[in-house]
Amino acid sequence: MNHNTPLSPRPLRHLSDVQLRVLTTAQLRSQGVNPADINAQCRPGGTWQQLLPGVYLLRPGPATSEERLHAVLLYAARSPAAEPAVPAQPGAGEPHAPQRYTDAMITGLAALALHRFSSAPPLLSLDRIDVLVPRLRRLRSTGCVRIVRTPGMPEPQQITGIPVAPVPRALADAVADLADAGVVRGLLTEAVRGGHCEPAAVVKELTQARLLSRPHVVDAVDSLLAGGRAIAEDRLYRMVHEHGLPDPVWNVDLRLPGGPHLGGLDAYWPDHAVALELDTRAPRQDEDAMWSEYARKREHLERLGITVVHITPKKLRDSMEQQATVVRTALMASADRDPAAYVVVLPR
């Protein structure tokens, strides 16, 4: 037998070319390959090699990045060989449909590389690949695999047939193992500026991972939030100008004449008594307290006849035209309302 010899009359047509080269002991046995044959192929000078416990590469030479990723997932996934190799019928579906990996996904720096982060190291340069699994799985880190446990698995994203953790979760798992402030700042910055996710999602994951007690992470997050707000403000300016909305006054404070401060606003249309506020609350702050503050301000302004529109950075990014319609509707509706109370508008 050599590595070109068919393993069985039942071909693994549901696997890709890479997955045909990277198989588990159980998958090989299901194809009639006994342990003695496996050991013989993996001896020095043999044509197969063991990449991880129970996972084999059916060719000589260094494993590619894709082969390593599939090997890691085969090692970590729950019952990866549970689905039998069913021979494909002529004309029945795609022969190279991706194999399902249950309860395992790539995370950390490897995941960021798959998400095409320029600030993440290339896959081949990584000595270790992080794989996310449920907290109660009985697995240990070994070889190039580092097991990362979580009480709740996120929904993976499929990238070239590889289940990959969403960017915020992958960032948190990467940052947990990084001490270089510059590298951490670069990854967080690229996540937001590259349009992968919003700052709030990143901060939420870092908070849940209890990483905000580390000074270099806190510094990076402060920079991230400032940069994220600047990006959101730029999108807000674009929304007004590209969708033909009347120019508001930007970044103002409202006060009652001779009375109390009513709060700061990102945009205000005095002739229509319509206010707009970017909701950039950070999850590391007290959510209830922050939302109460927003609600109190909105309630107070609306009692004075001022319509308040809240827009999140995510909505601005994903549905700018829809948000412009919301603002335009509020401006048009002002003609049907009673006149608002007189307020003093001051630069913020």
Protein backbone atom coordinates (compact mmCIF):
# COMPACT_ATOMS: atom_id res chain seq x y z
CA MET A 1 0.00 0.00 0.00
CA ASN A 2 1.24 3.57 -0.71
CA HIS A 3 -0.30 7.00 -0.36
CA ASN A 4 -1.77 6.78 -3.86
CA THR A 5 -3.55 3.48 -3.17
CA PRO A 6 -7.36 3.84 -2.80
CA LEU A 7 -8.34 3.31 0.82
CA SER A 8 -11.66 1.65 0.10
CA PRO A 9 -14.24 0.95 -2.57
CA ARG A 10 -16.30 3.62 -0.73
CA PRO A 11 -14.69 6.97 -1.70
CA LEU A 12 -14.89 9.91 0.70
CA ARG A 13 -16.62 12.06 -1.90
CA HIS A 14 -18.06 14.43 0.75
CA LEU A 15 -14.54 15.66 1.59
CA SER A 16 -12.38 18.26 -0.18
CA ASP A 17 -8.96 17.43 -1.62
CA VAL A 18 -7.27 18.69 1.53
CA GLN A 19 -9.60 16.71 3.75
CA LEU A 20 -8.82 13.58 1.73
CA ARG A 21 -5.18 14.07 2.72
CA VAL A 22 -5.88 14.80 6.41
CA LEU A 23 -7.86 12.02 8.12
CA THR A 24 -8.42 10.64 11.60
CA THR A 25 -7.81 7.11 12.82
CA ALA A 26 -11.57 6.54 12.87
CA GLN A 27 -11.97 7.73 9.28
CA LEU A 28 -9.13 5.50 8.11
CA ARG A 29 -10.59 2.51 9.93
CA SER A 30 -13.98 3.15 8.33
CA GLN A 31 -12.20 2.75 5.00
CA GLY A 32 -10.63 -0.57 5.92
CA VAL A 33 -7.21 0.70 7.01
CA ASN A 34 -6.16 -1.12 10.17
CA PRO A 35 -3.79 0.25 12.87
CA ALA A 36 -0.89 -1.87 11.57
CA ASP A 37 -1.21 -0.28 8.14
CA ILE A 38 -1.32 3.19 9.69
CA ASN A 39 1.81 2.52 11.76
CA ALA A 40 3.62 1.12 8.73
CA GLN A 41 2.84 4.19 6.63
CA CYS A 42 4.00 6.56 9.40
CA ARG A 43 7.42 4.92 10.01
CA PRO A 44 10.55 6.94 9.11
CA GLY A 45 10.71 7.05 5.36
CA GLY A 46 7.00 6.27 5.07
CA THR A 47 4.57 8.21 2.94
CA TRP A 48 2.22 9.28 5.76
CA GLN A 49 2.84 11.27 8.93
CA GLN A 50 1.03 11.87 12.21
CA LEU A 51 0.25 15.57 12.64
CA LEU A 52 -1.64 15.30 15.93
CA PRO A 53 -2.87 12.45 18.14
CA GLY A 54 -5.19 10.42 15.97
CA VAL A 55 -4.80 12.75 12.95
CA TYR A 56 -2.69 11.88 9.91
CA LEU A 57 -1.44 13.58 6.76
CA LEU A 58 -1.46 11.08 3.90
CA ARG A 59 1.61 12.44 2.15
CA PRO A 60 5.22 13.25 3.04
CA GLY A 61 6.63 16.76 3.46
CA PRO A 62 5.63 19.78 5.55
CA ALA A 63 1.91 20.37 6.04
CA THR A 64 0.38 23.40 4.36
CA SER A 65 -1.55 26.02 6.33
CA GLU A 66 -4.85 24.55 5.18
CA GLU A 67 -3.78 21.03 6.13
CA ARG A 68 -2.75 22.21 9.59
CA LEU A 69 -6.08 23.96 10.11
CA HIS A 70 -8.08 20.89 9.15
CA ALA A 71 -5.86 18.71 11.35
CA VAL A 72 -6.49 21.00 14.33
CA LEU A 73 -10.25 20.90 13.73
CA LEU A 74 -10.26 17.11 13.31
CA TYR A 75 -8.42 16.81 16.62
CA ALA A 76 -10.74 19.18 18.47
CA ALA A 77 -14.15 18.62 16.86
CA ARG A 78 -16.70 16.44 18.55
CA SER A 79 -16.91 12.99 16.90
CA PRO A 80 -15.43 14.17 13.59
CA ALA A 81 -15.85 10.69 12.09
CA ALA A 82 -19.42 10.23 13.25
CA GLU A 83 -20.72 10.87 9.76
CA PRO A 84 -20.00 7.82 7.64
CA ALA A 85 -18.36 8.11 4.27
CA VAL A 86 -21.32 7.83 1.96
CA PRO A 87 -20.44 7.24 -1.66
CA ALA A 88 -21.68 10.00 -3.91
CA GLN A 89 -24.29 9.10 -6.46
CA PRO A 90 -23.86 10.30 -10.04
CA GLY A 91 -25.23 13.81 -10.31
CA ALA A 92 -26.12 13.93 -6.61
CA GLY A 93 -24.91 17.22 -5.28
CA GLU A 94 -21.48 18.77 -4.94
CA PRO A 95 -18.72 16.14 -4.50
CA HIS A 96 -16.50 18.41 -2.44
CA ALA A 97 -18.95 19.78 0.11
CA PRO A 98 -17.15 20.92 3.26
CA GLN A 99 -17.04 18.56 6.21
CA ARG A 100 -18.89 19.74 9.30
CA TYR A 101 -16.80 20.31 12.42
CA THR A 102 -19.00 20.18 15.51
CA ASP A 103 -18.16 22.16 18.65
CA ALA A 104 -14.84 23.52 17.34
CA MET A 105 -13.73 26.63 15.47
CA ILE A 106 -10.45 28.43 14.78
CA THR A 107 -9.90 31.51 16.95
CA GLY A 108 -7.09 33.86 18.04
CA LEU A 109 -4.38 35.00 15.63
CA ALA A 110 -5.05 32.17 13.19
CA ALA A 111 -8.68 33.30 12.91
CA LEU A 112 -7.61 36.92 12.38
CA ALA A 113 -5.28 35.78 9.60
CA LEU A 114 -8.22 33.98 7.99
CA HIS A 115 -10.25 37.20 8.34
CA ARG A 116 -7.39 38.80 6.31
CA PHE A 117 -5.97 41.05 9.02
CA SER A 118 -2.76 42.58 7.69
CA SER A 119 -1.56 43.07 11.28
CA ALA A 120 -1.91 39.34 12.07
CA PRO A 121 1.07 37.07 11.33
CA PRO A 122 0.80 34.66 8.37
CA LEU A 123 -0.67 31.28 9.19
CA LEU A 124 2.50 29.37 8.33
CA SER A 125 4.49 31.46 10.82
CA LEU A 126 2.26 30.49 13.75
CA ASP A 127 3.70 27.81 16.00
CA ARG A 128 0.31 27.39 17.64
CA ILE A 129 -3.26 27.49 16.38
CA ASP A 130 -6.01 28.37 18.86
CA VAL A 131 -9.22 26.36 18.63
CA LEU A 132 -12.37 27.30 20.53
CA VAL A 133 -14.37 24.50 22.16
CA PRO A 134 -17.16 24.27 24.78
CA ARG A 135 -15.94 24.56 28.36
CA LEU A 136 -16.80 20.98 29.36
CA ARG A 137 -15.01 19.28 26.46
CA ARG A 138 -12.29 16.90 27.70
CA LEU A 139 -9.39 17.97 25.49
CA ARG A 140 -5.84 19.08 26.12
CA SER A 141 -3.52 21.33 24.20
CA THR A 142 -0.88 19.43 22.28
CA GLY A 143 1.52 20.02 19.43
CA CYS A 144 0.40 23.05 17.44
CA VAL A 145 -3.05 23.07 19.10
CA ARG A 146 -4.00 25.36 21.95
CA ILE A 147 -7.42 24.57 23.38
CA VAL A 148 -9.46 27.68 24.32
CA ARG A 149 -12.60 26.96 26.33
CA THR A 150 -15.81 28.97 26.48
CA PRO A 151 -19.14 28.52 28.28
CA GLY A 152 -21.00 29.63 25.15
CA MET A 153 -19.88 29.00 21.58
CA PRO A 154 -20.46 31.89 19.14
CA GLU A 155 -21.85 31.29 15.67
CA PRO A 156 -18.84 30.56 13.45
CA GLN A 157 -18.16 32.18 10.12
CA GLN A 158 -17.23 29.84 7.28
CA ILE A 159 -14.05 30.89 5.45
CA THR A 160 -13.00 28.50 2.67
CA GLY A 161 -14.70 25.65 4.49
CA ILE A 162 -13.08 26.49 7.84
CA PRO A 163 -15.31 27.43 10.82
CA VAL A 164 -13.80 30.64 12.21
CA ALA A 165 -14.69 32.63 15.33
CA PRO A 166 -16.22 36.09 14.70
CA VAL A 167 -13.70 38.92 14.77
CA PRO A 168 -14.54 40.26 18.28
CA ARG A 169 -14.16 36.80 19.86
CA ALA A 170 -11.00 36.03 17.86
CA LEU A 171 -9.53 39.36 18.98
CA ALA A 172 -10.21 38.64 22.65
CA ASP A 173 -8.57 35.20 22.39
CA ALA A 174 -5.57 36.70 20.59
CA VAL A 175 -5.16 39.62 23.01
CA ALA A 176 -5.32 37.26 26.01
CA ASP A 177 -1.92 35.92 24.96
CA LEU A 178 -0.26 39.17 23.84
CA ALA A 179 1.86 41.46 26.00
CA ASP A 180 3.03 43.85 23.25
CA ALA A 181 0.97 47.05 23.50
CA GLY A 182 1.74 48.02 19.91
CA VAL A 183 0.55 44.69 18.53
CA VAL A 184 -2.66 44.82 20.58
CA ARG A 185 -3.38 48.39 19.48
CA GLY A 186 -2.72 47.47 15.84
CA LEU A 187 -5.13 44.52 15.90
CA LEU A 188 -7.92 46.46 17.62
CA THR A 189 -7.48 49.43 15.31
CA GLU A 190 -7.59 47.29 12.17
CA ALA A 191 -10.74 45.55 13.42
CA VAL A 192 -12.62 48.86 13.47
CA ARG A 193 -10.98 50.81 10.65
CA GLY A 194 -11.11 47.76 8.41
CA GLY A 195 -14.87 47.53 8.91
CA HIS A 196 -14.76 44.10 10.56
CA CYS A 197 -16.77 45.13 13.63
CA GLU A 198 -17.78 48.01 15.87
CA PRO A 199 -15.78 49.10 18.94
CA ALA A 200 -18.62 48.15 21.30
CA ALA A 201 -18.49 44.51 20.15
CA VAL A 202 -14.72 44.36 20.77
CA VAL A 203 -15.00 45.95 24.22
CA LYS A 204 -17.79 43.57 25.16
CA GLU A 205 -15.64 40.52 24.37
CA LEU A 206 -12.60 41.96 26.14
CA THR A 207 -14.75 42.67 29.19
CA GLN A 208 -16.16 39.14 29.26
CA ALA A 209 -12.62 37.78 28.95
CA ARG A 210 -11.58 39.96 31.94
CA LEU A 211 -8.78 41.58 29.97
CA LEU A 212 -9.52 45.20 30.90
CA SER A 213 -7.45 44.90 34.05
CA ARG A 214 -4.32 44.91 31.88
CA PRO A 215 -2.97 48.45 31.39
CA HIS A 216 -1.78 47.91 27.79
CA VAL A 217 -5.22 46.57 26.83
CA VAL A 218 -7.00 49.49 28.52
CA ASP A 219 -4.78 51.96 26.63
CA ALA A 220 -5.55 50.21 23.35
CA VAL A 221 -9.29 50.23 24.10
CA ASP A 222 -9.27 53.96 24.92
CA SER A 223 -7.59 54.61 21.59
CA LEU A 224 -10.04 52.26 19.88
CA LEU A 225 -13.11 54.02 21.31
CA ALA A 226 -11.80 57.44 20.32
CA GLY A 227 -11.03 56.21 16.82
CA GLY A 228 -14.35 54.42 16.55
CA ARG A 229 -16.26 57.56 17.48
CA ALA A 230 -14.29 59.58 14.91
CA ILE A 231 -15.21 57.03 12.23
CA ALA A 232 -18.88 57.14 13.24
CA GLU A 233 -18.89 60.96 13.15
CA ASP A 234 -17.34 60.90 9.68
CA ARG A 235 -20.09 58.53 8.51
CA LEU A 236 -22.68 60.84 10.04
CA TYR A 237 -21.31 63.82 8.05
CA ARG A 238 -21.38 61.68 4.91
CA MET A 239 -24.96 60.61 5.57
CA VAL A 240 -26.14 64.21 5.79
CA HIS A 241 -24.33 65.36 2.67
CA GLU A 242 -24.71 62.29 0.43
CA HIS A 243 -28.42 61.89 1.15
CA GLY A 244 -29.35 65.54 0.74
CA LEU A 245 -30.36 66.30 4.33
CA PRO A 246 -30.33 69.95 5.43
CA ASP A 247 -27.19 70.96 7.30
CA PRO A 248 -27.56 70.80 11.08
CA VAL A 249 -25.44 72.53 13.68
CA TRP A 250 -22.81 70.02 14.77
CA ASN A 251 -21.63 69.03 18.26
CA VAL A 252 -23.69 71.37 20.40
CA ASP A 253 -24.99 71.66 23.95
CA LEU A 254 -28.57 72.66 24.67
CA ARG A 255 -29.67 74.74 27.65
CA LEU A 256 -32.88 76.32 28.78
CA PRO A 257 -32.56 80.12 28.90
CA GLY A 258 -31.15 80.86 32.32
CA GLY A 259 -31.83 77.27 33.25
CA PRO A 260 -30.16 73.88 33.41
CA HIS A 261 -27.99 72.10 30.89
CA LEU A 262 -30.06 69.71 28.75
CA GLY A 263 -27.23 67.65 27.29
CA GLY A 264 -24.84 67.39 24.38
CA LEU A 265 -25.88 66.39 20.85
CA ASP A 266 -23.97 65.33 17.78
CA ALA A 267 -26.31 67.20 15.43
CA TYR A 268 -29.27 69.55 15.86
CA TRP A 269 -31.70 71.10 13.39
CA PRO A 270 -33.02 74.21 15.25
CA ASP A 271 -35.69 75.07 12.65
CA HIS A 272 -37.19 71.59 12.98
CA ALA A 273 -36.39 70.92 16.68
CA VAL A 274 -34.82 67.58 15.75
CA ALA A 275 -31.78 66.30 17.64
CA LEU A 276 -29.48 63.43 16.68
CA GLU A 277 -27.26 61.49 19.03
CA LEU A 278 -24.71 58.78 18.24
CA ASP A 279 -25.11 55.91 20.67
CA THR A 280 -21.47 54.98 21.34
CA ARG A 281 -21.87 53.52 24.80
CA ALA A 282 -19.04 51.18 25.71
CA PRO A 283 -20.03 47.85 27.31
CA ARG A 284 -17.35 48.19 29.97
CA GLN A 285 -19.35 51.06 31.40
CA ASP A 286 -22.42 50.45 33.54
CA GLU A 287 -25.02 49.64 30.88
CA ASP A 288 -28.02 50.38 33.11
CA ALA A 289 -26.64 53.68 34.33
CA MET A 290 -25.62 54.81 30.85
CA TRP A 291 -28.96 53.86 29.33
CA SER A 292 -30.80 55.64 32.16
CA GLU A 293 -28.83 58.77 31.38
CA TYR A 294 -29.72 58.51 27.67
CA ALA A 295 -33.38 57.87 28.51
CA ARG A 296 -33.60 60.80 30.95
CA LYS A 297 -32.09 63.20 28.44
CA ARG A 298 -34.36 62.00 25.65
CA GLU A 299 -37.46 62.21 27.83
CA HIS A 300 -36.57 65.73 28.97
CA LEU A 301 -35.95 66.96 25.41
CA GLU A 302 -39.13 65.40 24.07
CA ARG A 303 -41.17 67.04 26.83
CA LEU A 304 -39.84 70.31 25.41
CA GLY A 305 -41.06 69.33 21.94
CA ILE A 306 -37.66 68.25 20.58
CA THR A 307 -37.57 64.97 18.62
CA VAL A 308 -34.50 62.88 19.44
CA VAL A 309 -33.10 60.37 16.92
CA HIS A 310 -30.62 57.78 18.22
CA ILE A 311 -28.29 56.14 15.71
CA THR A 312 -25.67 53.50 16.45
CA PRO A 313 -22.34 53.32 14.58
CA LYS A 314 -23.31 49.85 13.33
CA LYS A 315 -26.53 51.15 11.76
CA LEU A 316 -24.61 53.98 10.15
CA ARG A 317 -22.16 51.50 8.68
CA ASP A 318 -24.65 48.87 7.53
CA SER A 319 -27.74 50.89 6.57
CA MET A 320 -26.83 54.54 6.03
CA GLU A 321 -29.64 55.17 3.55
CA GLN A 322 -32.22 53.78 5.97
CA GLN A 323 -30.91 55.99 8.79
CA ALA A 324 -31.05 59.02 6.49
CA THR A 325 -34.71 58.18 5.83
CA VAL A 326 -35.37 58.07 9.59
CA VAL A 327 -33.87 61.54 10.03
CA ARG A 328 -35.67 62.93 6.97
CA THR A 329 -39.00 61.61 8.28
CA ALA A 330 -38.40 63.28 11.65
CA LEU A 331 -37.58 66.59 9.93
CA MET A 332 -40.70 66.42 7.75
CA ALA A 333 -42.92 65.54 10.72
CA SER A 334 -41.84 68.68 12.56
CA ALA A 335 -44.30 70.73 10.52
CA ASP A 336 -47.19 68.82 12.11
CA ARG A 337 -46.02 69.29 15.71
CA ASP A 338 -46.60 72.11 18.13
CA PRO A 339 -43.66 74.54 18.30
CA ALA A 340 -40.90 73.40 20.60
CA ALA A 341 -39.76 75.30 23.67
CA TYR A 342 -37.04 77.88 23.12
CA VAL A 343 -33.59 76.52 23.94
CA VAL A 344 -30.11 78.01 23.82
CA VAL A 345 -27.70 76.24 21.43
CA LEU A 346 -24.03 76.43 22.43
CA PRO A 347 -20.92 74.91 20.78
CA ARG A 348 -19.70 71.82 22.61
